[in-house]
Every structure is written in structure tokens, then in C-alpha cells.
């Protein structure tokens, strides 16, 4: 936010969990590099943005990985 204060409109990072018309559930978020580029932040590929992207991807992966027994095994 120090480079361009308008990036605060997109921070903190947000995710959206939604279900489409066919009943499939999705998790969506904007890539931090996209957000940085959108707000013309120099160094959009720098270490901080990359770390944010890795963290967002890891959280999304963990949130969308099934745990416990599958419905077929219940």
C-alpha cells in the first residue's frame, strides 16, 4: 500500500466460495500479481507479491482438498 494506496481497495485478499447452477462448488480469488499490476505497483513480480501468491494458492488448495471418508465409503 505504500507504493500505491489504491491497492487497499483489493486488500486484504479475499476468496469467494460459490456454487454454480449445476451444483458444483468453486473457490475463486484474484492472483496477487494481477492485483499489483492492476494498481500499477512497480515490481509486481517481487518477493512479497510472490509470497502472497504462494500463500493464497496453499490456502485455496487446503480448503478444497477433501478430508475424512468419502461419501462412497460412508
PDB file of N, CA and C in Angstrom:
ATOM      1  N   UNK A   1       0.819  -1.184   0.000  1.00  0.00           N
ATOM      2  CA  UNK A   1       0.000   0.000   0.000  1.00  0.00           C
ATOM      3  C   UNK A   1       0.867   1.253   0.000  1.00  0.00           C
ATOM      4  N   UNK A   2       2.128   1.099   0.360  1.00  0.00           N
ATOM      5  CA  UNK A   2       2.996   2.261   0.337  1.00  0.00           C
ATOM      6  C   UNK A   2       3.303   2.694  -1.087  1.00  0.00           C
ATOM      7  N   UNK A   3       3.344   1.752  -2.029  1.00  0.00           N
ATOM      8  CA  UNK A   3       3.658   2.077  -3.421  1.00  0.00           C
ATOM      9  C   UNK A   3       2.478   2.748  -4.120  1.00  0.00           C
ATOM     10  N   UNK A   4       1.271   2.295  -3.825  1.00  0.00           N
ATOM     11  CA  UNK A   4       0.069   2.869  -4.433  1.00  0.00           C
ATOM     12  C   UNK A   4      -1.108   2.574  -3.513  1.00  0.00           C
ATOM     13  N   UNK A   5      -1.621   3.604  -2.890  1.00  0.00           N
ATOM     14  CA  UNK A   5      -2.662   3.438  -1.880  1.00  0.00           C
ATOM     15  C   UNK A   5      -3.958   2.837  -2.429  1.00  0.00           C
ATOM     16  N   UNK A   6      -4.221   2.969  -3.724  1.00  0.00           N
ATOM     17  CA  UNK A   6      -5.467   2.410  -4.262  1.00  0.00           C
ATOM     18  C   UNK A   6      -5.510   0.894  -4.178  1.00  0.00           C
ATOM     19  N   UNK A   7      -4.374   0.237  -3.985  1.00  0.00           N
ATOM     20  CA  UNK A   7      -4.370  -1.223  -3.860  1.00  0.00           C
ATOM     21  C   UNK A   7      -5.158  -1.660  -2.614  1.00  0.00           C
ATOM     22  N   UNK A   8      -5.337  -0.712  -1.681  1.00  0.00           N
ATOM     23  CA  UNK A   8      -6.133  -1.002  -0.491  1.00  0.00           C
ATOM     24  C   UNK A   8      -7.569  -1.382  -0.809  1.00  0.00           C
ATOM     25  N   UNK A   9      -8.041  -1.024  -2.010  1.00  0.00           N
ATOM     26  CA  UNK A   9      -9.395  -1.431  -2.423  1.00  0.00           C
ATOM     27  C   UNK A   9      -9.487  -2.941  -2.591  1.00  0.00           C
ATOM     28  N   UNK A  10      -8.361  -3.590  -2.874  1.00  0.00           N
ATOM     29  CA  UNK A  10      -8.345  -5.033  -3.101  1.00  0.00           C
ATOM     30  C   UNK A  10      -7.688  -5.810  -1.965  1.00  0.00           C
ATOM     31  N   UNK A  11      -7.307  -5.116  -0.903  1.00  0.00           N
ATOM     32  CA  UNK A  11      -6.682  -5.779   0.227  1.00  0.00           C
ATOM     33  C   UNK A  11      -7.558  -5.603   1.461  1.00  0.00           C
ATOM     34  N   UNK A  12      -7.617  -6.554   2.361  1.00  0.00           N
ATOM     35  CA  UNK A  12      -6.896  -7.809   2.313  1.00  0.00           C
ATOM     36  C   UNK A  12      -7.426  -8.716   1.206  1.00  0.00           C
ATOM     37  N   UNK A  13      -6.623  -9.706   0.870  1.00  0.00           N
ATOM     38  CA  UNK A  13      -7.044 -10.658  -0.154  1.00  0.00           C
ATOM     39  C   UNK A  13      -8.338 -11.329   0.285  1.00  0.00           C
ATOM     40  N   UNK A  14      -9.204 -11.563  -0.655  1.00  0.00           N
ATOM     41  CA  UNK A  14     -10.495 -12.179  -0.363  1.00  0.00           C
ATOM     42  C   UNK A  14     -10.683 -13.414  -1.239  1.00  0.00           C
ATOM     43  N   UNK A  15     -11.459 -14.345  -0.751  1.00  0.00           N
ATOM     44  CA  UNK A  15     -11.849 -15.502  -1.542  1.00  0.00           C
ATOM     45  C   UNK A  15     -13.374 -15.542  -1.609  1.00  0.00           C
ATOM     46  N   UNK A  16     -13.850 -16.160  -2.641  1.00  0.00           N
ATOM     47  CA  UNK A  16     -15.290 -16.327  -2.815  1.00  0.00           C
ATOM     48  C   UNK A  16     -15.570 -17.803  -3.022  1.00  0.00           C
ATOM     49  N   UNK A  17     -16.420 -18.361  -2.188  1.00  0.00           N
ATOM     50  CA  UNK A  17     -16.873 -19.744  -2.361  1.00  0.00           C
ATOM     51  C   UNK A  17     -18.292 -19.660  -2.868  1.00  0.00           C
ATOM     52  N   UNK A  18     -18.536 -20.317  -4.004  1.00  0.00           N
ATOM     53  CA  UNK A  18     -19.851 -20.222  -4.630  1.00  0.00           C
ATOM     54  C   UNK A  18     -20.196 -21.516  -5.331  1.00  0.00           C
ATOM     55  N   UNK A  19     -21.485 -21.710  -5.555  1.00  0.00           N
ATOM     56  CA  UNK A  19     -21.987 -22.919  -6.221  1.00  0.00           C
ATOM     57  C   UNK A  19     -22.651 -22.498  -7.523  1.00  0.00           C
ATOM     58  N   UNK A  20     -22.287 -23.194  -8.615  1.00  0.00           N
ATOM     59  CA  UNK A  20     -22.876 -22.856  -9.909  1.00  0.00           C
ATOM     60  C   UNK A  20     -24.232 -23.547 -10.086  1.00  0.00           C
ATOM     61  N   UNK A  21     -24.867 -23.286 -11.216  1.00  0.00           N
ATOM     62  CA  UNK A  21     -26.219 -23.800 -11.473  1.00  0.00           C
ATOM     63  C   UNK A  21     -26.279 -25.323 -11.486  1.00  0.00           C
ATOM     64  N   UNK A  22     -25.158 -25.976 -11.795  1.00  0.00           N
ATOM     65  CA  UNK A  22     -25.162 -27.443 -11.819  1.00  0.00           C
ATOM     66  C   UNK A  22     -24.794 -28.053 -10.469  1.00  0.00           C
ATOM     67  N   UNK A  23     -24.581 -27.202  -9.459  1.00  0.00           N
ATOM     68  CA  UNK A  23     -24.307 -27.702  -8.116  1.00  0.00           C
ATOM     69  C   UNK A  23     -22.836 -27.876  -7.789  1.00  0.00           C
ATOM     70  N   UNK A  24     -21.935 -27.488  -8.690  1.00  0.00           N
ATOM     71  CA  UNK A  24     -20.503 -27.595  -8.433  1.00  0.00           C
ATOM     72  C   UNK A  24     -20.074 -26.394  -7.590  1.00  0.00           C
ATOM     73  N   UNK A  25     -19.303 -26.663  -6.537  1.00  0.00           N
ATOM     74  CA  UNK A  25     -18.811 -25.602  -5.657  1.00  0.00           C
ATOM     75  C   UNK A  25     -17.427 -25.168  -6.110  1.00  0.00           C
ATOM     76  N   UNK A  26     -17.214 -23.843  -6.129  1.00  0.00           N
ATOM     77  CA  UNK A  26     -15.964 -23.253  -6.593  1.00  0.00           C
ATOM     78  C   UNK A  26     -15.380 -22.353  -5.517  1.00  0.00           C
ATOM     79  N   UNK A  27     -14.047 -22.199  -5.540  1.00  0.00           N
ATOM     80  CA  UNK A  27     -13.356 -21.228  -4.706  1.00  0.00           C
ATOM     81  C   UNK A  27     -12.581 -20.327  -5.662  1.00  0.00           C
ATOM     82  N   UNK A  28     -12.823 -19.033  -5.603  1.00  0.00           N
ATOM     83  CA  UNK A  28     -12.201 -18.086  -6.526  1.00  0.00           C
ATOM     84  C   UNK A  28     -11.494 -16.977  -5.755  1.00  0.00           C
ATOM     85  N   UNK A  29     -10.397 -16.491  -6.337  1.00  0.00           N
ATOM     86  CA  UNK A  29      -9.707 -15.325  -5.786  1.00  0.00           C
ATOM     87  C   UNK A  29      -8.875 -14.692  -6.889  1.00  0.00           C
ATOM     88  N   UNK A  30      -8.542 -13.420  -6.717  1.00  0.00           N
ATOM     89  CA  UNK A  30      -7.671 -12.738  -7.664  1.00  0.00           C
ATOM     90  C   UNK A  30      -6.222 -12.994  -7.271  1.00  0.00           C
ATOM     91  N   UNK A  31      -5.407 -13.347  -8.254  1.00  0.00           N
ATOM     92  CA  UNK A  31      -3.988 -13.562  -8.021  1.00  0.00           C
ATOM     93  C   UNK A  31      -3.344 -12.253  -7.555  1.00  0.00           C
ATOM     94  N   UNK A  32      -2.511 -12.298  -6.507  1.00  0.00           N
ATOM     95  CA  UNK A  32      -1.867 -11.080  -6.029  1.00  0.00           C
ATOM     96  C   UNK A  32      -1.061 -10.337  -7.105  1.00  0.00           C
ATOM     97  N   UNK A  33      -0.449 -11.045  -8.046  1.00  0.00           N
ATOM     98  CA  UNK A  33       0.286 -10.376  -9.132  1.00  0.00           C
ATOM     99  C   UNK A  33      -0.679  -9.582 -10.007  1.00  0.00           C
ATOM    100  N   UNK A  34      -1.870 -10.104 -10.247  1.00  0.00           N
ATOM    101  CA  UNK A  34      -2.888  -9.378 -11.004  1.00  0.00           C
ATOM    102  C   UNK A  34      -3.286  -8.107 -10.259  1.00  0.00           C
ATOM    103  N   UNK A  35      -3.484  -8.221  -8.953  1.00  0.00           N
ATOM    104  CA  UNK A  35      -3.881  -7.057  -8.159  1.00  0.00           C
ATOM    105  C   UNK A  35      -2.777  -5.996  -8.205  1.00  0.00           C
ATOM    106  N   UNK A  36      -1.528  -6.417  -8.034  1.00  0.00           N
ATOM    107  CA  UNK A  36      -0.411  -5.469  -8.071  1.00  0.00           C
ATOM    108  C   UNK A  36      -0.329  -4.785  -9.440  1.00  0.00           C
ATOM    109  N   UNK A  37      -0.477  -5.552 -10.507  1.00  0.00           N
ATOM    110  CA  UNK A  37      -0.431  -4.969 -11.850  1.00  0.00           C
ATOM    111  C   UNK A  37      -1.617  -4.039 -12.076  1.00  0.00           C
ATOM    112  N   UNK A  38      -2.784  -4.431 -11.590  1.00  0.00           N
ATOM    113  CA  UNK A  38      -3.994  -3.613 -11.742  1.00  0.00           C
ATOM    114  C   UNK A  38      -3.812  -2.218 -11.148  1.00  0.00           C
ATOM    115  N   UNK A  39      -3.046  -2.157 -10.063  1.00  0.00           N
ATOM    116  CA  UNK A  39      -2.835  -0.881  -9.391  1.00  0.00           C
ATOM    117  C   UNK A  39      -1.471  -0.264  -9.726  1.00  0.00           C
ATOM    118  N   UNK A  40      -0.853  -0.758 -10.789  1.00  0.00           N
ATOM    119  CA  UNK A  40       0.428  -0.230 -11.285  1.00  0.00           C
ATOM    120  C   UNK A  40       1.502  -0.176 -10.205  1.00  0.00           C
ATOM    121  N   UNK A  41       1.593  -1.245  -9.427  1.00  0.00           N
ATOM    122  CA  UNK A  41       2.619  -1.327  -8.395  1.00  0.00           C
ATOM    123  C   UNK A  41       3.893  -1.817  -9.065  1.00  0.00           C
ATOM    124  N   UNK A  42       4.944  -1.013  -8.981  1.00  0.00           N
ATOM    125  CA  UNK A  42       6.230  -1.426  -9.544  1.00  0.00           C
ATOM    126  C   UNK A  42       6.708  -2.679  -8.838  1.00  0.00           C
ATOM    127  N   UNK A  43       7.339  -3.567  -9.594  1.00  0.00           N
ATOM    128  CA  UNK A  43       7.846  -4.802  -9.010  1.00  0.00           C
ATOM    129  C   UNK A  43       6.737  -5.784  -8.706  1.00  0.00           C
ATOM    130  N   UNK A  44       5.746  -5.845  -9.590  1.00  0.00           N
ATOM    131  CA  UNK A  44       4.606  -6.739  -9.365  1.00  0.00           C
ATOM    132  C   UNK A  44       5.024  -8.199  -9.241  1.00  0.00           C
ATOM    133  N   UNK A  45       6.240  -8.516  -9.658  1.00  0.00           N
ATOM    134  CA  UNK A  45       6.735  -9.888  -9.536  1.00  0.00           C
ATOM    135  C   UNK A  45       7.749 -10.017  -8.403  1.00  0.00           C
ATOM    136  N   UNK A  46       7.737  -9.091  -7.455  1.00  0.00           N
ATOM    137  CA  UNK A  46       8.736  -9.116  -6.398  1.00  0.00           C
ATOM    138  C   UNK A  46       8.444 -10.185  -5.356  1.00  0.00           C
ATOM    139  N   UNK A  47       9.332 -10.299  -4.415  1.00  0.00           N
ATOM    140  CA  UNK A  47       9.261 -11.355  -3.404  1.00  0.00           C
ATOM    141  C   UNK A  47       7.973 -11.313  -2.594  1.00  0.00           C
ATOM    142  N   UNK A  48       7.531 -10.138  -2.194  1.00  0.00           N
ATOM    143  CA  UNK A  48       6.317 -10.021  -1.375  1.00  0.00           C
ATOM    144  C   UNK A  48       5.093 -10.497  -2.137  1.00  0.00           C
ATOM    145  N   UNK A  49       4.947 -10.052  -3.381  1.00  0.00           N
ATOM    146  CA  UNK A  49       3.798 -10.463  -4.188  1.00  0.00           C
ATOM    147  C   UNK A  49       3.846 -11.964  -4.438  1.00  0.00           C
ATOM    148  N   UNK A  50       5.032 -12.495  -4.726  1.00  0.00           N
ATOM    149  CA  UNK A  50       5.153 -13.941  -4.940  1.00  0.00           C
ATOM    150  C   UNK A  50       4.808 -14.716  -3.673  1.00  0.00           C
ATOM    151  N   UNK A  51       5.235 -14.217  -2.520  1.00  0.00           N
ATOM    152  CA  UNK A  51       4.908 -14.894  -1.251  1.00  0.00           C
ATOM    153  C   UNK A  51       3.405 -14.889  -1.011  1.00  0.00           C
ATOM    154  N   UNK A  52       2.758 -13.769  -1.323  1.00  0.00           N
ATOM    155  CA  UNK A  52       1.300 -13.691  -1.170  1.00  0.00           C
ATOM    156  C   UNK A  52       0.612 -14.683  -2.110  1.00  0.00           C
ATOM    157  N   UNK A  53       1.126 -14.814  -3.336  1.00  0.00           N
ATOM    158  CA  UNK A  53       0.538 -15.746  -4.303  1.00  0.00           C
ATOM    159  C   UNK A  53       0.689 -17.184  -3.838  1.00  0.00           C
ATOM    160  N   UNK A  54       1.862 -17.526  -3.324  1.00  0.00           N
ATOM    161  CA  UNK A  54       2.095 -18.883  -2.814  1.00  0.00           C
ATOM    162  C   UNK A  54       1.160 -19.176  -1.639  1.00  0.00           C
ATOM    163  N   UNK A  55       1.022 -18.218  -0.737  1.00  0.00           N
ATOM    164  CA  UNK A  55       0.147 -18.409   0.422  1.00  0.00           C
ATOM    165  C   UNK A  55      -1.311 -18.566  -0.005  1.00  0.00           C
ATOM    166  N   UNK A  56      -1.767 -17.723  -0.931  1.00  0.00           N
ATOM    167  CA  UNK A  56      -3.159 -17.819  -1.404  1.00  0.00           C
ATOM    168  C   UNK A  56      -3.418 -19.168  -2.058  1.00  0.00           C
ATOM    169  N   UNK A  57      -2.469 -19.629  -2.859  1.00  0.00           N
ATOM    170  CA  UNK A  57      -2.635 -20.926  -3.528  1.00  0.00           C
ATOM    171  C   UNK A  57      -2.665 -22.068  -2.512  1.00  0.00           C
ATOM    172  N   UNK A  58      -1.803 -21.992  -1.500  1.00  0.00           N
ATOM    173  CA  UNK A  58      -1.773 -23.038  -0.472  1.00  0.00           C
ATOM    174  C   UNK A  58      -3.072 -23.073   0.326  1.00  0.00           C
ATOM    175  N   UNK A  59      -3.584 -21.909   0.679  1.00  0.00           N
ATOM    176  CA  UNK A  59      -4.846 -21.842   1.420  1.00  0.00           C
ATOM    177  C   UNK A  59      -5.989 -22.398   0.576  1.00  0.00           C
ATOM    178  N   UNK A  60      -6.037 -22.003  -0.700  1.00  0.00           N
ATOM    179  CA  UNK A  60      -7.089 -22.500  -1.585  1.00  0.00           C
ATOM    180  C   UNK A  60      -6.991 -24.008  -1.760  1.00  0.00           C
ATOM    181  N   UNK A  61      -5.772 -24.508  -1.890  1.00  0.00           N
ATOM    182  CA  UNK A  61      -5.582 -25.953  -2.039  1.00  0.00           C
ATOM    183  C   UNK A  61      -6.042 -26.697  -0.792  1.00  0.00           C
ATOM    184  N   UNK A  62      -5.662 -26.193   0.365  1.00  0.00           N
ATOM    185  CA  UNK A  62      -6.067 -26.838   1.624  1.00  0.00           C
ATOM    186  C   UNK A  62      -7.586 -26.790   1.798  1.00  0.00           C
ATOM    187  N   UNK A  63      -8.183 -25.664   1.434  1.00  0.00           N
ATOM    188  CA  UNK A  63      -9.632 -25.503   1.599  1.00  0.00           C
ATOM    189  C   UNK A  63     -10.427 -26.379   0.646  1.00  0.00           C
ATOM    190  N   UNK A  64      -9.825 -26.772  -0.458  1.00  0.00           N
ATOM    191  CA  UNK A  64     -10.566 -27.545  -1.460  1.00  0.00           C
ATOM    192  C   UNK A  64     -10.153 -29.009  -1.508  1.00  0.00           C
ATOM    193  N   UNK A  65      -9.315 -29.433  -0.574  1.00  0.00           N
ATOM    194  CA  UNK A  65      -8.907 -30.832  -0.511  1.00  0.00           C
ATOM    195  C   UNK A  65      -9.835 -31.573   0.442  1.00  0.00           C
ATOM    196  N   UNK A  66     -10.537 -32.587  -0.059  1.00  0.00           N
ATOM    197  CA  UNK A  66     -11.450 -33.333   0.823  1.00  0.00           C
ATOM    198  C   UNK A  66     -10.690 -34.009   1.971  1.00  0.00           C
ATOM    199  N   UNK A  67     -11.314 -34.072   3.119  1.00  0.00           N
ATOM    200  CA  UNK A  67     -10.748 -34.767   4.271  1.00  0.00           C
ATOM    201  C   UNK A  67     -11.753 -35.783   4.770  1.00  0.00           C
ATOM    202  N   UNK A  68     -11.261 -36.752   5.473  1.00  0.00           N
ATOM    203  CA  UNK A  68     -12.153 -37.752   6.048  1.00  0.00           C
ATOM    204  C   UNK A  68     -12.628 -38.737   4.994  1.00  0.00           C
ATOM    205  N   UNK A  69     -13.536 -39.603   5.374  1.00  0.00           N
ATOM    206  CA  UNK A  69     -14.020 -40.619   4.443  1.00  0.00           C
ATOM    207  C   UNK A  69     -14.849 -39.999   3.316  1.00  0.00           C
ATOM    208  N   UNK A  70     -14.709 -40.578   2.152  1.00  0.00           N
ATOM    209  CA  UNK A  70     -15.513 -40.086   1.025  1.00  0.00           C
ATOM    210  C   UNK A  70     -16.951 -40.556   1.209  1.00  0.00           C
ATOM    211  N   UNK A  71     -17.904 -39.851   0.592  1.00  0.00           N
ATOM    212  CA  UNK A  71     -19.319 -40.251   0.730  1.00  0.00           C
ATOM    213  C   UNK A  71     -19.566 -41.688   0.301  1.00  0.00           C
ATOM    214  N   UNK A  72     -18.783 -42.196  -0.649  1.00  0.00           N
ATOM    215  CA  UNK A  72     -18.970 -43.564  -1.122  1.00  0.00           C
ATOM    216  C   UNK A  72     -18.604 -44.575  -0.039  1.00  0.00           C
ATOM    217  N   UNK A  73     -17.741 -44.185   0.910  1.00  0.00           N
ATOM    218  CA  UNK A  73     -17.293 -45.108   1.951  1.00  0.00           C
ATOM    219  C   UNK A  73     -18.114 -44.988   3.229  1.00  0.00           C
ATOM    220  N   UNK A  74     -19.095 -44.124   3.253  1.00  0.00           N
ATOM    221  CA  UNK A  74     -19.886 -43.937   4.478  1.00  0.00           C
ATOM    222  C   UNK A  74     -21.014 -44.928   4.554  1.00  0.00           C
TER     223      UNK A  74
END
